[in-house]
Amino acid sequence: MKNGILVLILLASVLLLLASVQAQEDTGLVRPEKPTSVNGSSILLPKKSPFGALVRSVVFPGGGQFYNKKTLKGSIVFAAESGFLVAAIVEWKRRDQHQRNFERLPLSSPDKAWELELYQYYRDMRNTHLWCVAGIVFFSMLDAYVDAHLYNFEKDRVREVNVSLAPQVEKEKVGVFFSINF
């Protein structure tokens, strides 16, 4: 009962936070759009809220990247964060099972030490997965914040990448010459 109430309070606070971020964006309190000149005419480029991207990234895995229209990055973050979270939950259940096994065995049992080692192993694996989730969340927050700042950043020029393959024949050697130019 208490856990359900805590979950509802947490969900309500997250929804209120998202609503306040959206209200700031709708009223224009986030960042004013500056006119940009293209071929002598002035146009307004849309901006993204860095704080809004950061909050979305915390609330939903990859949410900040999706908000910034970086779908590939968002999908990768979602998959990585979800995968490590599921792995942590699996290891947590295994740890609990070996803890129960350890507590049920009598002191004289030869399997007691083995169950203790398994318990410690799964506990360490769970902690490793949880630290990975925390690192991915931190990276995702930072990436979403920076991408929101750089949304519609004016690019000086388009860089080209040229890849070429050419046959190469020397006295007795035959081969292929591969080059990449930036």
N, C-alpha and C. Protein backbone atom coordinates (compact mmCIF):
# COMPACT_ATOMS: atom_id res chain seq x y z
N MET A 1 0.83 -1.20 0.00
CA MET A 1 0.00 0.00 0.00
C MET A 1 0.87 1.26 0.00
N LYS A 2 1.88 1.28 0.90
CA LYS A 2 2.75 2.45 0.97
C LYS A 2 3.55 2.62 -0.33
N ASN A 3 3.99 1.50 -0.93
CA ASN A 3 4.75 1.57 -2.18
C ASN A 3 3.89 2.15 -3.29
N GLY A 4 2.63 1.78 -3.34
CA GLY A 4 1.72 2.30 -4.36
C GLY A 4 1.53 3.80 -4.23
N ILE A 5 1.41 4.28 -3.01
CA ILE A 5 1.25 5.72 -2.78
C ILE A 5 2.51 6.46 -3.19
N LEU A 6 3.67 5.91 -2.85
CA LEU A 6 4.94 6.54 -3.23
C LEU A 6 5.08 6.60 -4.75
N VAL A 7 4.68 5.54 -5.44
CA VAL A 7 4.76 5.53 -6.90
C VAL A 7 3.83 6.58 -7.48
N LEU A 8 2.62 6.71 -6.94
CA LEU A 8 1.68 7.72 -7.43
C LEU A 8 2.21 9.13 -7.20
N ILE A 9 2.81 9.39 -6.04
CA ILE A 9 3.38 10.70 -5.75
C ILE A 9 4.52 11.00 -6.71
N LEU A 10 5.39 10.03 -6.95
CA LEU A 10 6.50 10.20 -7.87
C LEU A 10 5.99 10.46 -9.29
N LEU A 11 5.01 9.70 -9.73
CA LEU A 11 4.45 9.89 -11.06
C LEU A 11 3.81 11.26 -11.20
N ALA A 12 3.08 11.70 -10.18
CA ALA A 12 2.45 13.03 -10.23
C ALA A 12 3.49 14.14 -10.29
N SER A 13 4.56 14.00 -9.52
CA SER A 13 5.60 15.04 -9.53
C SER A 13 6.31 15.09 -10.88
N VAL A 14 6.55 13.94 -11.51
CA VAL A 14 7.19 13.90 -12.82
C VAL A 14 6.27 14.55 -13.86
N LEU A 15 4.97 14.25 -13.79
CA LEU A 15 4.03 14.85 -14.73
C LEU A 15 3.93 16.36 -14.54
N LEU A 16 3.96 16.83 -13.29
CA LEU A 16 3.94 18.27 -13.04
C LEU A 16 5.20 18.94 -13.57
N LEU A 17 6.34 18.29 -13.40
CA LEU A 17 7.60 18.84 -13.90
C LEU A 17 7.57 18.93 -15.43
N LEU A 18 7.09 17.88 -16.08
CA LEU A 18 6.99 17.91 -17.54
C LEU A 18 6.00 18.97 -18.01
N ALA A 19 4.90 19.12 -17.29
CA ALA A 19 3.91 20.13 -17.66
C ALA A 19 4.49 21.53 -17.53
N SER A 20 5.30 21.77 -16.47
CA SER A 20 5.89 23.10 -16.30
C SER A 20 6.93 23.39 -17.39
N VAL A 21 7.68 22.38 -17.78
CA VAL A 21 8.65 22.56 -18.87
C VAL A 21 7.92 22.87 -20.16
N GLN A 22 6.85 22.13 -20.44
CA GLN A 22 6.08 22.37 -21.67
C GLN A 22 5.44 23.75 -21.64
N ALA A 23 4.95 24.19 -20.47
CA ALA A 23 4.34 25.52 -20.37
C ALA A 23 5.38 26.60 -20.63
N GLN A 24 6.60 26.43 -20.13
CA GLN A 24 7.66 27.40 -20.39
C GLN A 24 7.95 27.48 -21.88
N GLU A 25 7.95 26.35 -22.57
CA GLU A 25 8.23 26.34 -24.00
C GLU A 25 7.09 27.00 -24.77
N ASP A 26 5.84 26.71 -24.36
CA ASP A 26 4.69 27.26 -25.08
C ASP A 26 4.57 28.77 -24.92
N THR A 27 4.96 29.30 -23.76
CA THR A 27 4.84 30.74 -23.53
C THR A 27 6.06 31.51 -24.02
N GLY A 28 7.07 30.81 -24.50
CA GLY A 28 8.25 31.49 -25.03
C GLY A 28 9.23 31.92 -23.97
N LEU A 29 9.12 31.36 -22.75
CA LEU A 29 10.04 31.73 -21.68
C LEU A 29 11.38 31.02 -21.78
N VAL A 30 11.50 30.09 -22.72
CA VAL A 30 12.70 29.27 -22.78
C VAL A 30 13.87 30.06 -23.34
N ARG A 31 13.86 30.33 -24.60
CA ARG A 31 14.89 31.12 -25.26
C ARG A 31 14.25 31.81 -26.45
N PRO A 32 14.46 33.08 -26.60
CA PRO A 32 13.87 33.73 -27.78
C PRO A 32 14.58 33.25 -29.04
N GLU A 33 13.79 33.14 -30.09
CA GLU A 33 14.37 32.77 -31.37
C GLU A 33 14.97 34.00 -32.01
N LYS A 34 16.16 33.86 -32.54
CA LYS A 34 16.81 35.00 -33.17
C LYS A 34 16.67 34.91 -34.68
N PRO A 35 16.45 36.02 -35.31
CA PRO A 35 16.32 35.98 -36.76
C PRO A 35 17.65 35.63 -37.41
N THR A 36 17.57 34.83 -38.44
CA THR A 36 18.75 34.42 -39.18
C THR A 36 18.56 34.84 -40.63
N SER A 37 19.61 35.30 -41.22
CA SER A 37 19.54 35.78 -42.60
C SER A 37 19.93 34.66 -43.55
N VAL A 38 19.04 34.40 -44.51
CA VAL A 38 19.31 33.43 -45.56
C VAL A 38 18.99 34.10 -46.89
N ASN A 39 19.99 34.28 -47.72
CA ASN A 39 19.83 34.93 -49.03
C ASN A 39 19.18 36.32 -48.90
N GLY A 40 19.55 37.05 -47.90
CA GLY A 40 19.05 38.40 -47.73
C GLY A 40 17.73 38.49 -47.00
N SER A 41 17.01 37.38 -46.80
CA SER A 41 15.73 37.42 -46.09
C SER A 41 15.92 36.88 -44.68
N SER A 42 15.16 37.42 -43.75
CA SER A 42 15.28 37.04 -42.36
C SER A 42 14.24 35.98 -42.02
N ILE A 43 14.70 34.86 -41.43
CA ILE A 43 13.78 33.81 -41.01
C ILE A 43 14.06 33.47 -39.55
N LEU A 44 13.08 32.91 -38.86
CA LEU A 44 13.25 32.49 -37.48
C LEU A 44 13.51 30.99 -37.45
N LEU A 45 14.59 30.59 -36.80
CA LEU A 45 14.89 29.18 -36.64
C LEU A 45 14.34 28.71 -35.30
N PRO A 46 13.68 27.56 -35.27
CA PRO A 46 13.15 27.07 -33.99
C PRO A 46 14.28 26.67 -33.05
N LYS A 47 14.05 26.86 -31.78
CA LYS A 47 15.03 26.49 -30.75
C LYS A 47 14.45 25.40 -29.87
N LYS A 48 15.30 24.66 -29.22
CA LYS A 48 14.89 23.64 -28.27
C LYS A 48 15.35 24.05 -26.88
N SER A 49 14.57 23.68 -25.87
CA SER A 49 14.90 24.01 -24.49
C SER A 49 15.93 23.02 -23.96
N PRO A 50 17.13 23.48 -23.57
CA PRO A 50 18.12 22.56 -23.01
C PRO A 50 17.64 21.90 -21.71
N PHE A 51 16.97 22.68 -20.85
CA PHE A 51 16.46 22.10 -19.60
C PHE A 51 15.36 21.08 -19.90
N GLY A 52 14.51 21.39 -20.87
CA GLY A 52 13.46 20.46 -21.26
C GLY A 52 14.04 19.15 -21.78
N ALA A 53 15.09 19.25 -22.57
CA ALA A 53 15.74 18.05 -23.10
C ALA A 53 16.37 17.24 -21.96
N LEU A 54 16.97 17.92 -21.01
CA LEU A 54 17.60 17.25 -19.87
C LEU A 54 16.55 16.51 -19.05
N VAL A 55 15.42 17.16 -18.76
CA VAL A 55 14.37 16.53 -17.96
C VAL A 55 13.79 15.33 -18.70
N ARG A 56 13.55 15.48 -19.99
CA ARG A 56 13.01 14.36 -20.77
C ARG A 56 13.98 13.18 -20.79
N SER A 57 15.26 13.49 -20.79
CA SER A 57 16.27 12.44 -20.80
C SER A 57 16.30 11.68 -19.47
N VAL A 58 16.00 12.37 -18.38
CA VAL A 58 15.97 11.71 -17.07
C VAL A 58 14.71 10.87 -16.93
N VAL A 59 13.58 11.39 -17.39
CA VAL A 59 12.29 10.73 -17.19
C VAL A 59 12.14 9.50 -18.07
N PHE A 60 12.53 9.58 -19.33
CA PHE A 60 12.35 8.49 -20.27
C PHE A 60 13.69 8.20 -20.94
N PRO A 61 14.11 6.94 -21.00
CA PRO A 61 15.39 6.63 -21.64
C PRO A 61 15.41 7.08 -23.10
N GLY A 62 16.32 7.99 -23.42
CA GLY A 62 16.44 8.52 -24.77
C GLY A 62 15.45 9.62 -25.08
N GLY A 63 14.66 10.05 -24.11
CA GLY A 63 13.64 11.06 -24.33
C GLY A 63 14.21 12.39 -24.79
N GLY A 64 15.32 12.80 -24.24
CA GLY A 64 15.95 14.05 -24.65
C GLY A 64 16.46 13.99 -26.08
N GLN A 65 16.97 12.83 -26.47
CA GLN A 65 17.47 12.68 -27.84
C GLN A 65 16.29 12.69 -28.83
N PHE A 66 15.19 12.03 -28.48
CA PHE A 66 14.01 12.06 -29.34
C PHE A 66 13.46 13.48 -29.44
N TYR A 67 13.48 14.21 -28.34
CA TYR A 67 13.02 15.60 -28.33
C TYR A 67 13.85 16.47 -29.28
N ASN A 68 15.15 16.20 -29.34
CA ASN A 68 16.04 16.95 -30.22
C ASN A 68 16.07 16.39 -31.64
N LYS A 69 15.18 15.44 -31.92
CA LYS A 69 15.08 14.81 -33.25
C LYS A 69 16.34 14.03 -33.63
N LYS A 70 16.97 13.43 -32.65
CA LYS A 70 18.12 12.54 -32.87
C LYS A 70 17.64 11.11 -32.58
N THR A 71 16.89 10.55 -33.52
CA THR A 71 16.23 9.27 -33.27
C THR A 71 17.21 8.10 -33.15
N LEU A 72 18.28 8.10 -33.92
CA LEU A 72 19.24 7.00 -33.81
C LEU A 72 19.89 6.99 -32.43
N LYS A 73 20.34 8.18 -31.98
CA LYS A 73 20.94 8.26 -30.65
C LYS A 73 19.92 7.90 -29.57
N GLY A 74 18.68 8.37 -29.75
CA GLY A 74 17.63 8.06 -28.78
C GLY A 74 17.35 6.57 -28.70
N SER A 75 17.35 5.91 -29.84
CA SER A 75 17.11 4.46 -29.86
C SER A 75 18.26 3.71 -29.19
N ILE A 76 19.48 4.16 -29.44
CA ILE A 76 20.64 3.50 -28.83
C ILE A 76 20.62 3.69 -27.32
N VAL A 77 20.32 4.91 -26.87
CA VAL A 77 20.26 5.17 -25.43
C VAL A 77 19.13 4.36 -24.79
N PHE A 78 17.97 4.31 -25.45
CA PHE A 78 16.84 3.55 -24.93
C PHE A 78 17.21 2.08 -24.78
N ALA A 79 17.82 1.51 -25.83
CA ALA A 79 18.19 0.09 -25.80
C ALA A 79 19.24 -0.19 -24.73
N ALA A 80 20.25 0.66 -24.63
CA ALA A 80 21.32 0.43 -23.64
C ALA A 80 20.80 0.56 -22.22
N GLU A 81 20.06 1.64 -21.97
CA GLU A 81 19.56 1.86 -20.61
C GLU A 81 18.57 0.76 -20.21
N SER A 82 17.67 0.41 -21.11
CA SER A 82 16.69 -0.64 -20.81
C SER A 82 17.38 -1.98 -20.62
N GLY A 83 18.34 -2.28 -21.47
CA GLY A 83 19.04 -3.55 -21.36
C GLY A 83 19.79 -3.70 -20.04
N PHE A 84 20.52 -2.67 -19.64
CA PHE A 84 21.25 -2.75 -18.37
C PHE A 84 20.29 -2.78 -17.19
N LEU A 85 19.15 -2.09 -17.29
CA LEU A 85 18.17 -2.11 -16.21
C LEU A 85 17.54 -3.49 -16.06
N VAL A 86 17.20 -4.12 -17.18
CA VAL A 86 16.65 -5.48 -17.14
C VAL A 86 17.70 -6.45 -16.58
N ALA A 87 18.95 -6.30 -17.01
CA ALA A 87 20.02 -7.17 -16.49
C ALA A 87 20.19 -6.98 -14.98
N ALA A 88 20.08 -5.75 -14.50
CA ALA A 88 20.19 -5.49 -13.06
C ALA A 88 19.04 -6.16 -12.30
N ILE A 89 17.84 -6.11 -12.87
CA ILE A 89 16.69 -6.74 -12.20
C ILE A 89 16.87 -8.25 -12.15
N VAL A 90 17.35 -8.84 -13.23
CA VAL A 90 17.59 -10.29 -13.26
C VAL A 90 18.63 -10.68 -12.22
N GLU A 91 19.73 -9.92 -12.17
CA GLU A 91 20.77 -10.22 -11.18
C GLU A 91 20.26 -10.02 -9.75
N TRP A 92 19.39 -9.04 -9.56
CA TRP A 92 18.81 -8.79 -8.25
C TRP A 92 18.00 -10.00 -7.78
N LYS A 93 17.20 -10.56 -8.69
CA LYS A 93 16.40 -11.73 -8.34
C LYS A 93 17.28 -12.94 -8.05
N ARG A 94 18.34 -13.11 -8.82
CA ARG A 94 19.27 -14.22 -8.56
C ARG A 94 19.95 -14.04 -7.21
N ARG A 95 20.33 -12.82 -6.89
CA ARG A 95 20.95 -12.53 -5.60
C ARG A 95 20.01 -12.88 -4.47
N ASP A 96 18.74 -12.47 -4.60
CA ASP A 96 17.76 -12.77 -3.55
C ASP A 96 17.56 -14.27 -3.38
N GLN A 97 17.54 -15.00 -4.50
CA GLN A 97 17.37 -16.45 -4.42
C GLN A 97 18.54 -17.10 -3.68
N HIS A 98 19.76 -16.68 -3.99
CA HIS A 98 20.92 -17.29 -3.32
C HIS A 98 21.03 -16.82 -1.87
N GLN A 99 20.52 -15.65 -1.56
CA GLN A 99 20.48 -15.22 -0.16
C GLN A 99 19.51 -16.10 0.64
N ARG A 100 18.35 -16.42 0.05
CA ARG A 100 17.40 -17.30 0.73
C ARG A 100 17.99 -18.70 0.88
N ASN A 101 18.66 -19.19 -0.17
CA ASN A 101 19.30 -20.51 -0.08
C ASN A 101 20.34 -20.53 1.02
N PHE A 102 21.15 -19.48 1.12
CA PHE A 102 22.19 -19.38 2.14
C PHE A 102 21.57 -19.39 3.54
N GLU A 103 20.49 -18.65 3.72
CA GLU A 103 19.86 -18.57 5.05
C GLU A 103 19.18 -19.87 5.44
N ARG A 104 18.70 -20.66 4.48
CA ARG A 104 18.02 -21.92 4.78
C ARG A 104 18.99 -23.05 5.14
N LEU A 105 20.18 -23.00 4.61
CA LEU A 105 21.14 -24.10 4.84
C LEU A 105 21.68 -24.05 6.27
N PRO A 106 21.88 -25.22 6.88
CA PRO A 106 22.49 -25.25 8.22
C PRO A 106 23.97 -24.89 8.14
N LEU A 107 24.53 -24.50 9.27
CA LEU A 107 25.94 -24.10 9.33
C LEU A 107 26.89 -25.21 8.90
N SER A 108 26.52 -26.44 9.13
CA SER A 108 27.40 -27.56 8.82
C SER A 108 27.37 -27.96 7.34
N SER A 109 26.50 -27.36 6.55
CA SER A 109 26.37 -27.75 5.14
C SER A 109 27.57 -27.26 4.33
N PRO A 110 28.11 -28.14 3.46
CA PRO A 110 29.24 -27.72 2.61
C PRO A 110 28.81 -26.73 1.52
N ASP A 111 27.53 -26.67 1.21
CA ASP A 111 27.04 -25.76 0.17
C ASP A 111 26.84 -24.34 0.65
N LYS A 112 26.95 -24.12 1.96
CA LYS A 112 26.71 -22.78 2.51
C LYS A 112 27.73 -21.78 1.96
N ALA A 113 28.99 -22.15 1.89
CA ALA A 113 30.03 -21.25 1.37
C ALA A 113 29.80 -20.96 -0.11
N TRP A 114 29.36 -21.98 -0.85
CA TRP A 114 29.09 -21.80 -2.28
C TRP A 114 27.93 -20.83 -2.49
N GLU A 115 26.88 -20.97 -1.70
CA GLU A 115 25.73 -20.06 -1.82
C GLU A 115 26.13 -18.63 -1.45
N LEU A 116 27.02 -18.48 -0.48
CA LEU A 116 27.50 -17.15 -0.11
C LEU A 116 28.29 -16.53 -1.27
N GLU A 117 29.13 -17.32 -1.92
CA GLU A 117 29.90 -16.81 -3.07
C GLU A 117 28.97 -16.41 -4.22
N LEU A 118 27.97 -17.23 -4.49
CA LEU A 118 27.01 -16.89 -5.55
C LEU A 118 26.23 -15.63 -5.20
N TYR A 119 25.84 -15.50 -3.94
CA TYR A 119 25.13 -14.30 -3.50
C TYR A 119 25.99 -13.06 -3.74
N GLN A 120 27.26 -13.14 -3.34
CA GLN A 120 28.16 -11.99 -3.50
C GLN A 120 28.41 -11.70 -4.98
N TYR A 121 28.53 -12.73 -5.81
CA TYR A 121 28.76 -12.54 -7.24
C TYR A 121 27.57 -11.82 -7.88
N TYR A 122 26.37 -12.29 -7.62
CA TYR A 122 25.19 -11.67 -8.23
C TYR A 122 24.93 -10.27 -7.67
N ARG A 123 25.29 -10.04 -6.42
CA ARG A 123 25.19 -8.70 -5.86
C ARG A 123 26.14 -7.74 -6.59
N ASP A 124 27.36 -8.20 -6.82
CA ASP A 124 28.33 -7.37 -7.53
C ASP A 124 27.91 -7.12 -8.98
N MET A 125 27.36 -8.13 -9.63
CA MET A 125 26.88 -7.96 -11.01
C MET A 125 25.71 -6.97 -11.05
N ARG A 126 24.81 -7.07 -10.08
CA ARG A 126 23.69 -6.13 -10.01
C ARG A 126 24.20 -4.71 -9.85
N ASN A 127 25.16 -4.53 -8.95
CA ASN A 127 25.71 -3.19 -8.72
C ASN A 127 26.42 -2.65 -9.97
N THR A 128 27.12 -3.52 -10.67
CA THR A 128 27.79 -3.11 -11.91
C THR A 128 26.77 -2.64 -12.94
N HIS A 129 25.70 -3.39 -13.10
CA HIS A 129 24.65 -3.01 -14.06
C HIS A 129 23.98 -1.70 -13.65
N LEU A 130 23.75 -1.51 -12.36
CA LEU A 130 23.13 -0.26 -11.90
C LEU A 130 24.06 0.93 -12.13
N TRP A 131 25.38 0.74 -11.94
CA TRP A 131 26.32 1.82 -12.23
C TRP A 131 26.35 2.13 -13.73
N CYS A 132 26.21 1.10 -14.55
CA CYS A 132 26.15 1.33 -16.01
C CYS A 132 24.91 2.13 -16.37
N VAL A 133 23.78 1.82 -15.74
CA VAL A 133 22.55 2.59 -15.99
C VAL A 133 22.77 4.04 -15.59
N ALA A 134 23.37 4.26 -14.43
CA ALA A 134 23.62 5.63 -13.97
C ALA A 134 24.54 6.38 -14.95
N GLY A 135 25.56 5.71 -15.45
CA GLY A 135 26.46 6.34 -16.42
C GLY A 135 25.75 6.67 -17.72
N ILE A 136 24.90 5.77 -18.19
CA ILE A 136 24.16 6.02 -19.42
C ILE A 136 23.19 7.18 -19.23
N VAL A 137 22.52 7.23 -18.08
CA VAL A 137 21.60 8.34 -17.81
C VAL A 137 22.36 9.66 -17.78
N PHE A 138 23.51 9.68 -17.13
CA PHE A 138 24.31 10.91 -17.07
C PHE A 138 24.75 11.34 -18.47
N PHE A 139 25.26 10.39 -19.26
CA PHE A 139 25.67 10.70 -20.62
C PHE A 139 24.49 11.20 -21.45
N SER A 140 23.34 10.56 -21.29
CA SER A 140 22.15 10.94 -22.04
C SER A 140 21.70 12.35 -21.68
N MET A 141 21.74 12.69 -20.39
CA MET A 141 21.37 14.03 -19.95
C MET A 141 22.30 15.07 -20.56
N LEU A 142 23.59 14.82 -20.47
CA LEU A 142 24.58 15.76 -21.00
C LEU A 142 24.44 15.91 -22.51
N ASP A 143 24.28 14.79 -23.20
CA ASP A 143 24.14 14.82 -24.65
C ASP A 143 22.88 15.56 -25.08
N ALA A 144 21.77 15.33 -24.41
CA ALA A 144 20.51 16.00 -24.76
C ALA A 144 20.62 17.50 -24.51
N TYR A 145 21.26 17.87 -23.41
CA TYR A 145 21.43 19.29 -23.08
C TYR A 145 22.25 20.00 -24.15
N VAL A 146 23.37 19.40 -24.55
CA VAL A 146 24.24 20.00 -25.55
C VAL A 146 23.55 20.03 -26.92
N ASP A 147 22.88 18.94 -27.28
CA ASP A 147 22.17 18.91 -28.57
C ASP A 147 21.08 19.97 -28.64
N ALA A 148 20.40 20.23 -27.51
CA ALA A 148 19.37 21.27 -27.51
C ALA A 148 19.99 22.65 -27.72
N HIS A 149 21.16 22.87 -27.12
CA HIS A 149 21.85 24.15 -27.34
C HIS A 149 22.29 24.30 -28.80
N LEU A 150 22.68 23.21 -29.41
CA LEU A 150 23.19 23.27 -30.77
C LEU A 150 22.12 23.00 -31.83
N TYR A 151 20.86 22.90 -31.43
CA TYR A 151 19.78 22.65 -32.37
C TYR A 151 19.72 23.80 -33.39
N ASN A 152 19.70 23.48 -34.65
CA ASN A 152 19.71 24.45 -35.75
C ASN A 152 20.93 25.35 -35.73
N PHE A 153 22.05 24.85 -35.27
CA PHE A 153 23.30 25.58 -35.30
C PHE A 153 23.70 25.80 -36.75
N GLU A 154 24.08 27.02 -37.07
CA GLU A 154 24.45 27.33 -38.44
C GLU A 154 25.78 26.66 -38.78
N LYS A 155 25.77 25.95 -39.88
CA LYS A 155 26.98 25.26 -40.32
C LYS A 155 27.67 26.10 -41.38
N ASP A 156 28.99 26.22 -41.27
CA ASP A 156 29.74 27.03 -42.22
C ASP A 156 29.75 26.40 -43.61
N ARG A 157 30.05 25.12 -43.66
CA ARG A 157 30.07 24.46 -44.94
C ARG A 157 29.86 22.97 -44.73
N VAL A 158 29.49 22.32 -45.77
CA VAL A 158 29.26 20.89 -45.70
C VAL A 158 30.57 20.19 -45.99
N ARG A 159 30.93 19.27 -45.13
CA ARG A 159 32.16 18.53 -45.35
C ARG A 159 31.85 17.30 -46.18
N GLU A 160 32.77 16.98 -47.05
CA GLU A 160 32.59 15.83 -47.93
C GLU A 160 33.58 14.74 -47.57
N VAL A 161 33.16 13.52 -47.80
CA VAL A 161 34.02 12.36 -47.60
C VAL A 161 34.08 11.64 -48.94
N ASN A 162 35.28 11.43 -49.45
CA ASN A 162 35.47 10.72 -50.71
C ASN A 162 36.18 9.41 -50.44
N VAL A 163 35.64 8.35 -50.97
CA VAL A 163 36.24 7.03 -50.85
C VAL A 163 36.55 6.55 -52.26
N SER A 164 37.76 6.05 -52.45
CA SER A 164 38.12 5.59 -53.80
C SER A 164 38.91 4.29 -53.73
N LEU A 165 38.68 3.46 -54.73
CA LEU A 165 39.43 2.22 -54.92
C LEU A 165 40.08 2.30 -56.30
N ALA A 166 41.35 1.95 -56.37
CA ALA A 166 42.05 2.00 -57.66
C ALA A 166 43.01 0.82 -57.74
N PRO A 167 43.11 0.22 -58.90
CA PRO A 167 44.07 -0.88 -59.04
C PRO A 167 45.49 -0.33 -59.01
N GLN A 168 46.37 -1.09 -58.42
CA GLN A 168 47.78 -0.68 -58.34
C GLN A 168 48.64 -1.83 -58.87
N VAL A 169 49.41 -1.52 -59.88
CA VAL A 169 50.26 -2.54 -60.48
C VAL A 169 51.70 -2.04 -60.43
N GLU A 170 52.54 -2.76 -59.74
CA GLU A 170 53.97 -2.47 -59.73
C GLU A 170 54.66 -3.66 -60.39
N LYS A 171 55.95 -3.65 -60.47
CA LYS A 171 56.72 -4.64 -61.23
C LYS A 171 56.14 -6.05 -61.13
N GLU A 172 56.15 -6.63 -59.96
CA GLU A 172 55.65 -8.00 -59.84
C GLU A 172 54.47 -8.06 -58.86
N LYS A 173 54.04 -6.91 -58.35
CA LYS A 173 52.96 -6.89 -57.37
C LYS A 173 51.70 -6.30 -57.99
N VAL A 174 50.58 -6.94 -57.68
CA VAL A 174 49.28 -6.42 -58.13
C VAL A 174 48.42 -6.26 -56.88
N GLY A 175 47.70 -5.15 -56.78
CA GLY A 175 46.88 -4.92 -55.61
C GLY A 175 45.83 -3.85 -55.85
N VAL A 176 45.16 -3.49 -54.79
CA VAL A 176 44.12 -2.47 -54.84
C VAL A 176 44.50 -1.37 -53.87
N PHE A 177 44.43 -0.14 -54.36
CA PHE A 177 44.75 1.05 -53.56
C PHE A 177 43.43 1.63 -53.04
N PHE A 178 43.32 1.75 -51.72
CA PHE A 178 42.10 2.24 -51.07
C PHE A 178 42.43 3.57 -50.38
N SER A 179 41.61 4.60 -50.62
CA SER A 179 41.89 5.89 -49.96
C SER A 179 40.56 6.52 -49.50
N ILE A 180 40.66 7.21 -48.36
CA ILE A 180 39.53 7.97 -47.82
C ILE A 180 40.02 9.40 -47.63
N ASN A 181 39.31 10.35 -48.22
CA ASN A 181 39.67 11.77 -48.09
C ASN A 181 38.54 12.52 -47.41
N PHE A 182 38.91 13.36 -46.46
CA PHE A 182 37.93 14.20 -45.75
C PHE A 182 38.05 15.62 -46.24
